[in-house]
Amino acid sequence: MQLKTLILPIVLSLPLLGCGLVYKIDIPQGNYLEAKQVDQLRRGMTQEQVRFLLGNPMSLDSFNHDRWVYLYYFKPGRGEVEQKQLVLEFNNDALLSVSGDFAAPAEFNQGL
């Protein structure tokens, strides 16, 4: 009789043990950029060169085609959400400025 009273609560609690083991997927969205890619940007690069280096921007301003925005959003199954943004400004098909969560590379103005 005592064995039954010990086993019954254990058996009844087994389904509850799995609740903490639910798998949650990571959700990446947008343009994942690494600092080494951004470090290769140089003032005066054409839009084609930037597109080759970084890929297509996530967002194009419909009123200003000289402003490109690269967005990245990562929601891990468990943990903190990560968001990054890189904004590039062009003038006459030449890269003019870099802003956002990535700093302009030290060599950005090289050759000017």
PDB file of N, CA and C in Angstrom:
ATOM      1  N   MET A   1       0.815  -1.192   0.000  1.00  0.00           N
ATOM      2  CA  MET A   1       0.000   0.000   0.000  1.00  0.00           C
ATOM      3  C   MET A   1       0.864   1.264   0.000  1.00  0.00           C
ATOM      4  N   GLN A   2       1.965   1.269   0.734  1.00  0.00           N
ATOM      5  CA  GLN A   2       2.808   2.446   0.777  1.00  0.00           C
ATOM      6  C   GLN A   2       3.536   2.666  -0.541  1.00  0.00           C
ATOM      7  N   LEU A   3       3.891   1.602  -1.244  1.00  0.00           N
ATOM      8  CA  LEU A   3       4.546   1.723  -2.543  1.00  0.00           C
ATOM      9  C   LEU A   3       3.627   2.409  -3.540  1.00  0.00           C
ATOM     10  N   LYS A   4       2.344   2.089  -3.476  1.00  0.00           N
ATOM     11  CA  LYS A   4       1.358   2.692  -4.367  1.00  0.00           C
ATOM     12  C   LYS A   4       1.233   4.194  -4.083  1.00  0.00           C
ATOM     13  N   THR A   5       1.275   4.575  -2.835  1.00  0.00           N
ATOM     14  CA  THR A   5       1.148   5.988  -2.473  1.00  0.00           C
ATOM     15  C   THR A   5       2.403   6.780  -2.867  1.00  0.00           C
ATOM     16  N   LEU A   6       3.552   6.134  -2.996  1.00  0.00           N
ATOM     17  CA  LEU A   6       4.769   6.810  -3.440  1.00  0.00           C
ATOM     18  C   LEU A   6       4.827   6.920  -4.961  1.00  0.00           C
ATOM     19  N   ILE A   7       4.405   5.903  -5.651  1.00  0.00           N
ATOM     20  CA  ILE A   7       4.514   5.861  -7.108  1.00  0.00           C
ATOM     21  C   ILE A   7       3.444   6.719  -7.780  1.00  0.00           C
ATOM     22  N   LEU A   8       2.249   6.756  -7.240  1.00  0.00           N
ATOM     23  CA  LEU A   8       1.149   7.487  -7.860  1.00  0.00           C
ATOM     24  C   LEU A   8       1.466   8.976  -8.063  1.00  0.00           C
ATOM     25  N   PRO A   9       1.981   9.710  -7.082  1.00  0.00           N
ATOM     26  CA  PRO A   9       2.306  11.127  -7.326  1.00  0.00           C
ATOM     27  C   PRO A   9       3.422  11.302  -8.371  1.00  0.00           C
ATOM     28  N   ILE A  10       4.355  10.381  -8.399  1.00  0.00           N
ATOM     29  CA  ILE A  10       5.439  10.460  -9.380  1.00  0.00           C
ATOM     30  C   ILE A  10       4.896  10.265 -10.788  1.00  0.00           C
ATOM     31  N   VAL A  11       4.054   9.277 -10.960  1.00  0.00           N
ATOM     32  CA  VAL A  11       3.475   8.990 -12.278  1.00  0.00           C
ATOM     33  C   VAL A  11       2.598  10.153 -12.735  1.00  0.00           C
ATOM     34  N   LEU A  12       1.848  10.742 -11.834  1.00  0.00           N
ATOM     35  CA  LEU A  12       0.972  11.848 -12.193  1.00  0.00           C
ATOM     36  C   LEU A  12       1.749  13.123 -12.528  1.00  0.00           C
ATOM     37  N   SER A  13       2.945  13.281 -11.990  1.00  0.00           N
ATOM     38  CA  SER A  13       3.720  14.493 -12.249  1.00  0.00           C
ATOM     39  C   SER A  13       4.621  14.376 -13.479  1.00  0.00           C
ATOM     40  N   LEU A  14       4.781  13.207 -14.052  1.00  0.00           N
ATOM     41  CA  LEU A  14       5.648  13.029 -15.228  1.00  0.00           C
ATOM     42  C   LEU A  14       5.254  13.905 -16.416  1.00  0.00           C
ATOM     43  N   PRO A  15       3.977  14.029 -16.768  1.00  0.00           N
ATOM     44  CA  PRO A  15       3.645  14.908 -17.908  1.00  0.00           C
ATOM     45  C   PRO A  15       4.040  16.365 -17.677  1.00  0.00           C
ATOM     46  N   LEU A  16       4.058  16.803 -16.430  1.00  0.00           N
ATOM     47  CA  LEU A  16       4.415  18.190 -16.122  1.00  0.00           C
ATOM     48  C   LEU A  16       5.906  18.451 -16.257  1.00  0.00           C
ATOM     49  N   LEU A  17       6.739  17.421 -16.160  1.00  0.00           N
ATOM     50  CA  LEU A  17       8.179  17.593 -16.263  1.00  0.00           C
ATOM     51  C   LEU A  17       8.599  18.029 -17.661  1.00  0.00           C
ATOM     52  N   GLY A  18       7.900  17.620 -18.670  1.00  0.00           N
ATOM     53  CA  GLY A  18       8.244  17.965 -20.046  1.00  0.00           C
ATOM     54  C   GLY A  18       7.903  19.386 -20.432  1.00  0.00           C
ATOM     55  N   CYS A  19       7.131  20.094 -19.640  1.00  0.00           N
ATOM     56  CA  CYS A  19       6.706  21.448 -19.997  1.00  0.00           C
ATOM     57  C   CYS A  19       7.880  22.415 -20.138  1.00  0.00           C
ATOM     58  N   GLY A  20       8.926  22.225 -19.385  1.00  0.00           N
ATOM     59  CA  GLY A  20      10.083  23.100 -19.466  1.00  0.00           C
ATOM     60  C   GLY A  20      11.006  22.752 -20.613  1.00  0.00           C
ATOM     61  N   LEU A  21      10.736  21.685 -21.308  1.00  0.00           N
ATOM     62  CA  LEU A  21      11.610  21.223 -22.369  1.00  0.00           C
ATOM     63  C   LEU A  21      11.064  21.516 -23.762  1.00  0.00           C
ATOM     64  N   VAL A  22      10.109  22.417 -23.866  1.00  0.00           N
ATOM     65  CA  VAL A  22       9.522  22.754 -25.156  1.00  0.00           C
ATOM     66  C   VAL A  22      10.570  23.451 -26.009  1.00  0.00           C
ATOM     67  N   TYR A  23      10.732  22.982 -27.234  1.00  0.00           N
ATOM     68  CA  TYR A  23      11.720  23.570 -28.143  1.00  0.00           C
ATOM     69  C   TYR A  23      11.136  24.823 -28.778  1.00  0.00           C
ATOM     70  N   LYS A  24      11.870  25.908 -28.706  1.00  0.00           N
ATOM     71  CA  LYS A  24      11.461  27.162 -29.344  1.00  0.00           C
ATOM     72  C   LYS A  24      12.487  27.487 -30.403  1.00  0.00           C
ATOM     73  N   ILE A  25      12.023  27.762 -31.608  1.00  0.00           N
ATOM     74  CA  ILE A  25      12.942  28.006 -32.711  1.00  0.00           C
ATOM     75  C   ILE A  25      13.474  29.434 -32.685  1.00  0.00           C
ATOM     76  N   ASP A  26      14.663  29.604 -33.264  1.00  0.00           N
ATOM     77  CA  ASP A  26      15.237  30.932 -33.456  1.00  0.00           C
ATOM     78  C   ASP A  26      14.603  31.541 -34.695  1.00  0.00           C
ATOM     79  N   ILE A  27      14.302  32.831 -34.647  1.00  0.00           N
ATOM     80  CA  ILE A  27      13.671  33.509 -35.774  1.00  0.00           C
ATOM     81  C   ILE A  27      14.573  34.650 -36.241  1.00  0.00           C
ATOM     82  N   PRO A  28      15.371  34.423 -37.306  1.00  0.00           N
ATOM     83  CA  PRO A  28      16.163  35.512 -37.874  1.00  0.00           C
ATOM     84  C   PRO A  28      15.391  36.155 -39.029  1.00  0.00           C
ATOM     85  N   GLN A  29      15.437  37.469 -39.119  1.00  0.00           N
ATOM     86  CA  GLN A  29      14.783  38.181 -40.215  1.00  0.00           C
ATOM     87  C   GLN A  29      15.674  39.323 -40.672  1.00  0.00           C
ATOM     88  N   GLY A  30      15.698  39.548 -41.954  1.00  0.00           N
ATOM     89  CA  GLY A  30      16.423  40.691 -42.495  1.00  0.00           C
ATOM     90  C   GLY A  30      17.801  40.342 -43.013  1.00  0.00           C
ATOM     91  N   ASN A  31      18.661  41.355 -43.018  1.00  0.00           N
ATOM     92  CA  ASN A  31      20.022  41.241 -43.530  1.00  0.00           C
ATOM     93  C   ASN A  31      20.996  41.041 -42.385  1.00  0.00           C
ATOM     94  N   TYR A  32      21.582  39.847 -42.299  1.00  0.00           N
ATOM     95  CA  TYR A  32      22.612  39.623 -41.285  1.00  0.00           C
ATOM     96  C   TYR A  32      23.928  40.173 -41.837  1.00  0.00           C
ATOM     97  N   LEU A  33      24.490  41.147 -41.149  1.00  0.00           N
ATOM     98  CA  LEU A  33      25.751  41.748 -41.567  1.00  0.00           C
ATOM     99  C   LEU A  33      26.789  41.528 -40.484  1.00  0.00           C
ATOM    100  N   GLU A  34      27.994  41.237 -40.914  1.00  0.00           N
ATOM    101  CA  GLU A  34      29.109  41.117 -39.983  1.00  0.00           C
ATOM    102  C   GLU A  34      29.945  42.381 -40.074  1.00  0.00           C
ATOM    103  N   ALA A  35      30.651  42.685 -39.000  1.00  0.00           N
ATOM    104  CA  ALA A  35      31.488  43.891 -38.949  1.00  0.00           C
ATOM    105  C   ALA A  35      32.549  43.861 -40.043  1.00  0.00           C
ATOM    106  N   LYS A  36      33.061  42.670 -40.383  1.00  0.00           N
ATOM    107  CA  LYS A  36      34.095  42.597 -41.419  1.00  0.00           C
ATOM    108  C   LYS A  36      33.546  42.991 -42.792  1.00  0.00           C
ATOM    109  N   GLN A  37      32.244  42.798 -43.022  1.00  0.00           N
ATOM    110  CA  GLN A  37      31.644  43.253 -44.274  1.00  0.00           C
ATOM    111  C   GLN A  37      31.536  44.782 -44.279  1.00  0.00           C
ATOM    112  N   VAL A  38      31.054  45.335 -43.179  1.00  0.00           N
ATOM    113  CA  VAL A  38      30.883  46.784 -43.084  1.00  0.00           C
ATOM    114  C   VAL A  38      32.239  47.479 -43.143  1.00  0.00           C
ATOM    115  N   ASP A  39      33.284  46.854 -42.614  1.00  0.00           N
ATOM    116  CA  ASP A  39      34.624  47.435 -42.634  1.00  0.00           C
ATOM    117  C   ASP A  39      35.185  47.568 -44.042  1.00  0.00           C
ATOM    118  N   GLN A  40      34.606  46.906 -45.013  1.00  0.00           N
ATOM    119  CA  GLN A  40      35.072  46.988 -46.398  1.00  0.00           C
ATOM    120  C   GLN A  40      34.422  48.135 -47.176  1.00  0.00           C
ATOM    121  N   LEU A  41      33.460  48.820 -46.551  1.00  0.00           N
ATOM    122  CA  LEU A  41      32.803  49.948 -47.211  1.00  0.00           C
ATOM    123  C   LEU A  41      33.759  51.131 -47.326  1.00  0.00           C
ATOM    124  N   ARG A  42      33.730  51.797 -48.461  1.00  0.00           N
ATOM    125  CA  ARG A  42      34.560  52.983 -48.704  1.00  0.00           C
ATOM    126  C   ARG A  42      33.698  54.072 -49.334  1.00  0.00           C
ATOM    127  N   ARG A  43      33.977  55.298 -48.941  1.00  0.00           N
ATOM    128  CA  ARG A  43      33.273  56.441 -49.543  1.00  0.00           C
ATOM    129  C   ARG A  43      33.524  56.417 -51.053  1.00  0.00           C
ATOM    130  N   GLY A  44      32.463  56.629 -51.815  1.00  0.00           N
ATOM    131  CA  GLY A  44      32.584  56.676 -53.265  1.00  0.00           C
ATOM    132  C   GLY A  44      32.248  55.353 -53.959  1.00  0.00           C
ATOM    133  N   MET A  45      32.040  54.281 -53.183  1.00  0.00           N
ATOM    134  CA  MET A  45      31.653  53.011 -53.798  1.00  0.00           C
ATOM    135  C   MET A  45      30.312  53.188 -54.504  1.00  0.00           C
ATOM    136  N   THR A  46      30.137  52.495 -55.623  1.00  0.00           N
ATOM    137  CA  THR A  46      28.869  52.568 -56.341  1.00  0.00           C
ATOM    138  C   THR A  46      27.826  51.704 -55.642  1.00  0.00           C
ATOM    139  N   GLN A  47      26.580  51.919 -55.988  1.00  0.00           N
ATOM    140  CA  GLN A  47      25.501  51.116 -55.421  1.00  0.00           C
ATOM    141  C   GLN A  47      25.672  49.647 -55.814  1.00  0.00           C
ATOM    142  N   GLU A  48      26.159  49.400 -57.003  1.00  0.00           N
ATOM    143  CA  GLU A  48      26.387  48.034 -57.456  1.00  0.00           C
ATOM    144  C   GLU A  48      27.471  47.352 -56.608  1.00  0.00           C
ATOM    145  N   GLN A  49      28.531  48.074 -56.280  1.00  0.00           N
ATOM    146  CA  GLN A  49      29.600  47.513 -55.447  1.00  0.00           C
ATOM    147  C   GLN A  49      29.094  47.214 -54.034  1.00  0.00           C
ATOM    148  N   VAL A  50      28.293  48.117 -53.491  1.00  0.00           N
ATOM    149  CA  VAL A  50      27.739  47.918 -52.154  1.00  0.00           C
ATOM    150  C   VAL A  50      26.778  46.730 -52.158  1.00  0.00           C
ATOM    151  N   ARG A  51      25.966  46.639 -53.189  1.00  0.00           N
ATOM    152  CA  ARG A  51      25.032  45.511 -53.297  1.00  0.00           C
ATOM    153  C   ARG A  51      25.793  44.189 -53.396  1.00  0.00           C
ATOM    154  N   PHE A  52      26.915  44.167 -54.105  1.00  0.00           N
ATOM    155  CA  PHE A  52      27.736  42.963 -54.218  1.00  0.00           C
ATOM    156  C   PHE A  52      28.323  42.579 -52.860  1.00  0.00           C
ATOM    157  N   LEU A  53      28.734  43.585 -52.084  1.00  0.00           N
ATOM    158  CA  LEU A  53      29.366  43.350 -50.784  1.00  0.00           C
ATOM    159  C   LEU A  53      28.363  42.957 -49.706  1.00  0.00           C
ATOM    160  N   LEU A  54      27.237  43.658 -49.623  1.00  0.00           N
ATOM    161  CA  LEU A  54      26.287  43.472 -48.528  1.00  0.00           C
ATOM    162  C   LEU A  54      24.985  42.776 -48.921  1.00  0.00           C
ATOM    163  N   GLY A  55      24.702  42.673 -50.197  1.00  0.00           N
ATOM    164  CA  GLY A  55      23.421  42.131 -50.636  1.00  0.00           C
ATOM    165  C   GLY A  55      22.405  43.248 -50.790  1.00  0.00           C
ATOM    166  N   ASN A  56      21.194  42.874 -51.145  1.00  0.00           N
ATOM    167  CA  ASN A  56      20.133  43.861 -51.314  1.00  0.00           C
ATOM    168  C   ASN A  56      19.681  44.391 -49.965  1.00  0.00           C
ATOM    169  N   PRO A  57      19.406  45.692 -49.878  1.00  0.00           N
ATOM    170  CA  PRO A  57      18.945  46.247 -48.605  1.00  0.00           C
ATOM    171  C   PRO A  57      17.544  45.746 -48.276  1.00  0.00           C
ATOM    172  N   MET A  58      17.248  45.680 -46.998  1.00  0.00           N
ATOM    173  CA  MET A  58      15.940  45.231 -46.540  1.00  0.00           C
ATOM    174  C   MET A  58      14.867  46.265 -46.847  1.00  0.00           C
ATOM    175  N   SER A  59      15.249  47.518 -46.801  1.00  0.00           N
ATOM    176  CA  SER A  59      14.268  48.577 -46.987  1.00  0.00           C
ATOM    177  C   SER A  59      14.847  49.673 -47.884  1.00  0.00           C
ATOM    178  N   LEU A  60      14.098  50.003 -48.909  1.00  0.00           N
ATOM    179  CA  LEU A  60      14.451  51.128 -49.772  1.00  0.00           C
ATOM    180  C   LEU A  60      13.422  52.223 -49.548  1.00  0.00           C
ATOM    181  N   ASP A  61      13.884  53.436 -49.368  1.00  0.00           N
ATOM    182  CA  ASP A  61      12.989  54.572 -49.201  1.00  0.00           C
ATOM    183  C   ASP A  61      12.340  54.857 -50.551  1.00  0.00           C
ATOM    184  N   SER A  62      11.026  54.781 -50.619  1.00  0.00           N
ATOM    185  CA  SER A  62      10.343  54.967 -51.903  1.00  0.00           C
ATOM    186  C   SER A  62      10.416  56.409 -52.402  1.00  0.00           C
ATOM    187  N   PHE A  63      10.721  57.343 -51.536  1.00  0.00           N
ATOM    188  CA  PHE A  63      10.839  58.736 -51.942  1.00  0.00           C
ATOM    189  C   PHE A  63      12.286  59.161 -52.141  1.00  0.00           C
ATOM    190  N   ASN A  64      13.220  58.412 -51.576  1.00  0.00           N
ATOM    191  CA  ASN A  64      14.633  58.752 -51.688  1.00  0.00           C
ATOM    192  C   ASN A  64      15.405  57.472 -52.020  1.00  0.00           C
ATOM    193  N   HIS A  65      15.700  57.261 -53.296  1.00  0.00           N
ATOM    194  CA  HIS A  65      16.380  56.042 -53.726  1.00  0.00           C
ATOM    195  C   HIS A  65      17.858  56.035 -53.352  1.00  0.00           C
ATOM    196  N   ASP A  66      18.343  57.147 -52.796  1.00  0.00           N
ATOM    197  CA  ASP A  66      19.741  57.225 -52.384  1.00  0.00           C
ATOM    198  C   ASP A  66      19.928  56.877 -50.903  1.00  0.00           C
ATOM    199  N   ARG A  67      18.901  56.351 -50.262  1.00  0.00           N
ATOM    200  CA  ARG A  67      18.980  55.952 -48.852  1.00  0.00           C
ATOM    201  C   ARG A  67      18.622  54.480 -48.753  1.00  0.00           C
ATOM    202  N   TRP A  68      19.586  53.677 -48.316  1.00  0.00           N
ATOM    203  CA  TRP A  68      19.387  52.237 -48.157  1.00  0.00           C
ATOM    204  C   TRP A  68      19.441  51.896 -46.676  1.00  0.00           C
ATOM    205  N   VAL A  69      18.540  51.030 -46.236  1.00  0.00           N
ATOM    206  CA  VAL A  69      18.498  50.613 -44.837  1.00  0.00           C
ATOM    207  C   VAL A  69      18.598  49.088 -44.782  1.00  0.00           C
ATOM    208  N   TYR A  70      19.612  48.616 -44.076  1.00  0.00           N
ATOM    209  CA  TYR A  70      19.793  47.198 -43.825  1.00  0.00           C
ATOM    210  C   TYR A  70      19.334  46.929 -42.393  1.00  0.00           C
ATOM    211  N   LEU A  71      18.338  46.071 -42.244  1.00  0.00           N
ATOM    212  CA  LEU A  71      17.781  45.752 -40.933  1.00  0.00           C
ATOM    213  C   LEU A  71      18.008  44.284 -40.618  1.00  0.00           C
ATOM    214  N   TYR A  72      18.265  43.991 -39.349  1.00  0.00           N
ATOM    215  CA  TYR A  72      18.397  42.607 -38.908  1.00  0.00           C
ATOM    216  C   TYR A  72      17.706  42.466 -37.566  1.00  0.00           C
ATOM    217  N   TYR A  73      16.863  41.450 -37.461  1.00  0.00           N
ATOM    218  CA  TYR A  73      16.118  41.161 -36.236  1.00  0.00           C
ATOM    219  C   TYR A  73      16.288  39.685 -35.943  1.00  0.00           C
ATOM    220  N   PHE A  74      16.741  39.357 -34.748  1.00  0.00           N
ATOM    221  CA  PHE A  74      16.942  37.962 -34.364  1.00  0.00           C
ATOM    222  C   PHE A  74      16.271  37.716 -33.026  1.00  0.00           C
ATOM    223  N   LYS A  75      15.286  36.817 -33.033  1.00  0.00           N
ATOM    224  CA  LYS A  75      14.593  36.445 -31.794  1.00  0.00           C
ATOM    225  C   LYS A  75      14.943  34.995 -31.501  1.00  0.00           C
ATOM    226  N   PRO A  76      15.827  34.783 -30.516  1.00  0.00           N
ATOM    227  CA  PRO A  76      16.185  33.407 -30.173  1.00  0.00           C
ATOM    228  C   PRO A  76      15.040  32.722 -29.424  1.00  0.00           C
ATOM    229  N   GLY A  77      15.042  31.407 -29.461  1.00  0.00           N
ATOM    230  CA  GLY A  77      14.025  30.655 -28.735  1.00  0.00           C
ATOM    231  C   GLY A  77      14.026  31.014 -27.254  1.00  0.00           C
ATOM    232  N   ARG A  78      15.196  31.216 -26.747  1.00  0.00           N
ATOM    233  CA  ARG A  78      15.356  31.640 -25.350  1.00  0.00           C
ATOM    234  C   ARG A  78      16.453  32.707 -25.328  1.00  0.00           C
ATOM    235  N   GLY A  79      16.208  33.784 -24.645  1.00  0.00           N
ATOM    236  CA  GLY A  79      17.237  34.822 -24.553  1.00  0.00           C
ATOM    237  C   GLY A  79      16.752  36.162 -25.068  1.00  0.00           C
ATOM    238  N   GLU A  80      17.711  37.048 -25.260  1.00  0.00           N
ATOM    239  CA  GLU A  80      17.436  38.431 -25.636  1.00  0.00           C
ATOM    240  C   GLU A  80      17.271  38.602 -27.142  1.00  0.00           C
ATOM    241  N   VAL A  81      16.384  39.487 -27.530  1.00  0.00           N
ATOM    242  CA  VAL A  81      16.193  39.843 -28.936  1.00  0.00           C
ATOM    243  C   VAL A  81      17.351  40.735 -29.365  1.00  0.00           C
ATOM    244  N   GLU A  82      17.846  40.510 -30.576  1.00  0.00           N
ATOM    245  CA  GLU A  82      18.952  41.308 -31.122  1.00  0.00           C
ATOM    246  C   GLU A  82      18.451  42.054 -32.348  1.00  0.00           C
ATOM    247  N   GLN A  83      18.716  43.351 -32.406  1.00  0.00           N
ATOM    248  CA  GLN A  83      18.343  44.169 -33.552  1.00  0.00           C
ATOM    249  C   GLN A  83      19.542  44.990 -33.993  1.00  0.00           C
ATOM    250  N   LYS A  84      19.770  45.039 -35.288  1.00  0.00           N
ATOM    251  CA  LYS A  84      20.862  45.838 -35.854  1.00  0.00           C
ATOM    252  C   LYS A  84      20.323  46.619 -37.046  1.00  0.00           C
ATOM    253  N   GLN A  85      20.892  47.786 -37.259  1.00  0.00           N
ATOM    254  CA  GLN A  85      20.482  48.632 -38.376  1.00  0.00           C
ATOM    255  C   GLN A  85      21.711  49.298 -38.977  1.00  0.00           C
ATOM    256  N   LEU A  86      21.746  49.339 -40.308  1.00  0.00           N
ATOM    257  CA  LEU A  86      22.803  50.044 -41.028  1.00  0.00           C
ATOM    258  C   LEU A  86      22.133  50.908 -42.077  1.00  0.00           C
ATOM    259  N   VAL A  87      22.423  52.190 -42.058  1.00  0.00           N
ATOM    260  CA  VAL A  87      21.836  53.134 -43.013  1.00  0.00           C
ATOM    261  C   VAL A  87      22.946  53.684 -43.887  1.00  0.00           C
ATOM    262  N   LEU A  88      22.767  53.557 -45.194  1.00  0.00           N
ATOM    263  CA  LEU A  88      23.739  54.066 -46.160  1.00  0.00           C
ATOM    264  C   LEU A  88      23.106  55.179 -46.970  1.00  0.00           C
ATOM    265  N   GLU A  89      23.840  56.252 -47.138  1.00  0.00           N
ATOM    266  CA  GLU A  89      23.385  57.383 -47.952  1.00  0.00           C
ATOM    267  C   GLU A  89      24.268  57.478 -49.193  1.00  0.00           C
ATOM    268  N   PHE A  90      23.638  57.633 -50.341  1.00  0.00           N
ATOM    269  CA  PHE A  90      24.345  57.765 -51.607  1.00  0.00           C
ATOM    270  C   PHE A  90      24.067  59.142 -52.198  1.00  0.00           C
ATOM    271  N   ASN A  91      24.987  59.595 -53.041  1.00  0.00           N
ATOM    272  CA  ASN A  91      24.794  60.821 -53.810  1.00  0.00           C
ATOM    273  C   ASN A  91      25.347  60.566 -55.200  1.00  0.00           C
ATOM    274  N   ASN A  92      24.495  60.614 -56.212  1.00  0.00           N
ATOM    275  CA  ASN A  92      24.892  60.341 -57.603  1.00  0.00           C
ATOM    276  C   ASN A  92      25.586  58.977 -57.717  1.00  0.00           C
ATOM    277  N   ASP A  93      24.972  57.945 -57.147  1.00  0.00           N
ATOM    278  CA  ASP A  93      25.457  56.563 -57.212  1.00  0.00           C
ATOM    279  C   ASP A  93      26.801  56.360 -56.508  1.00  0.00           C
ATOM    280  N   ALA A  94      27.162  57.251 -55.597  1.00  0.00           N
ATOM    281  CA  ALA A  94      28.412  57.107 -54.841  1.00  0.00           C
ATOM    282  C   ALA A  94      28.080  57.109 -53.351  1.00  0.00           C
ATOM    283  N   LEU A  95      28.639  56.159 -52.610  1.00  0.00           N
ATOM    284  CA  LEU A  95      28.396  56.060 -51.171  1.00  0.00           C
ATOM    285  C   LEU A  95      28.921  57.304 -50.470  1.00  0.00           C
ATOM    286  N   LEU A  96      28.068  57.910 -49.680  1.00  0.00           N
ATOM    287  CA  LEU A  96      28.402  59.169 -49.024  1.00  0.00           C
ATOM    288  C   LEU A  96      28.613  58.997 -47.516  1.00  0.00           C
ATOM    289  N   SER A  97      27.717  58.225 -46.852  1.00  0.00           N
ATOM    290  CA  SER A  97      27.831  58.097 -45.407  1.00  0.00           C
ATOM    291  C   SER A  97      27.286  56.755 -44.915  1.00  0.00           C
ATOM    292  N   VAL A  98      27.753  56.386 -43.726  1.00  0.00           N
ATOM    293  CA  VAL A  98      27.347  55.157 -43.049  1.00  0.00           C
ATOM    294  C   VAL A  98      26.895  55.545 -41.647  1.00  0.00           C
ATOM    295  N   SER A  99      25.738  55.045 -41.221  1.00  0.00           N
ATOM    296  CA  SER A  99      25.269  55.308 -39.861  1.00  0.00           C
ATOM    297  C   SER A  99      24.463  54.112 -39.362  1.00  0.00           C
ATOM    298  N   GLY A 100      24.068  54.176 -38.106  1.00  0.00           N
ATOM    299  CA  GLY A 100      23.305  53.086 -37.505  1.00  0.00           C
ATOM    300  C   GLY A 100      24.099  52.405 -36.414  1.00  0.00           C
ATOM    301  N   ASP A 101      23.874  51.101 -36.252  1.00  0.00           N
ATOM    302  CA  ASP A 101      24.535  50.343 -35.193  1.00  0.00           C
ATOM    303  C   ASP A 101      25.970  49.965 -35.525  1.00  0.00           C
ATOM    304  N   PHE A 102      26.373  50.165 -36.754  1.00  0.00           N
ATOM    305  CA  PHE A 102      27.746  49.909 -37.169  1.00  0.00           C
ATOM    306  C   PHE A 102      28.434  51.250 -37.384  1.00  0.00           C
ATOM    307  N   ALA A 103      29.621  51.386 -36.848  1.00  0.00           N
ATOM    308  CA  ALA A 103      30.388  52.618 -37.048  1.00  0.00           C
ATOM    309  C   ALA A 103      31.015  52.603 -38.434  1.00  0.00           C
ATOM    310  N   ALA A 104      31.237  53.778 -38.983  1.00  0.00           N
ATOM    311  CA  ALA A 104      31.915  53.854 -40.268  1.00  0.00           C
ATOM    312  C   ALA A 104      33.338  53.317 -40.083  1.00  0.00           C
ATOM    313  N   PRO A 105      33.816  52.540 -41.046  1.00  0.00           N
ATOM    314  CA  PRO A 105      35.174  51.983 -40.925  1.00  0.00           C
ATOM    315  C   PRO A 105      36.239  53.083 -40.835  1.00  0.00           C
ATOM    316  N   ALA A 106      37.337  52.781 -40.193  1.00  0.00           N
ATOM    317  CA  ALA A 106      38.428  53.740 -40.055  1.00  0.00           C
ATOM    318  C   ALA A 106      38.951  54.181 -41.415  1.00  0.00           C
ATOM    319  N   GLU A 107      38.947  53.275 -42.384  1.00  0.00           N
ATOM    320  CA  GLU A 107      39.460  53.572 -43.731  1.00  0.00           C
ATOM    321  C   GLU A 107      38.348  54.067 -44.669  1.00  0.00           C
ATOM    322  N   PHE A 108      37.187  54.460 -44.132  1.00  0.00           N
ATOM    323  CA  PHE A 108      36.056  54.855 -44.968  1.00  0.00           C
ATOM    324  C   PHE A 108      36.405  55.997 -45.914  1.00  0.00           C
ATOM    325  N   ASN A 109      37.156  56.971 -45.456  1.00  0.00           N
ATOM    326  CA  ASN A 109      37.517  58.129 -46.282  1.00  0.00           C
ATOM    327  C   ASN A 109      38.835  57.943 -47.015  1.00  0.00           C
ATOM    328  N   GLN A 110      39.371  56.735 -47.002  1.00  0.00           N
ATOM    329  CA  GLN A 110      40.647  56.463 -47.645  1.00  0.00           C
ATOM    330  C   GLN A 110      40.561  56.738 -49.147  1.00  0.00           C
ATOM    331  N   GLY A 111      41.554  57.389 -49.682  1.00  0.00           N
ATOM    332  CA  GLY A 111      41.604  57.663 -51.112  1.00  0.00           C
ATOM    333  C   GLY A 111      40.959  58.973 -51.499  1.00  0.00           C
ATOM    334  N   LEU A 112      40.441  59.724 -50.521  1.00  0.00           N
ATOM    335  CA  LEU A 112      39.824  61.016 -50.862  1.00  0.00           C
ATOM    336  C   LEU A 112      40.777  62.153 -50.595  1.00  0.00           C
TER     337      LEU A 112
END
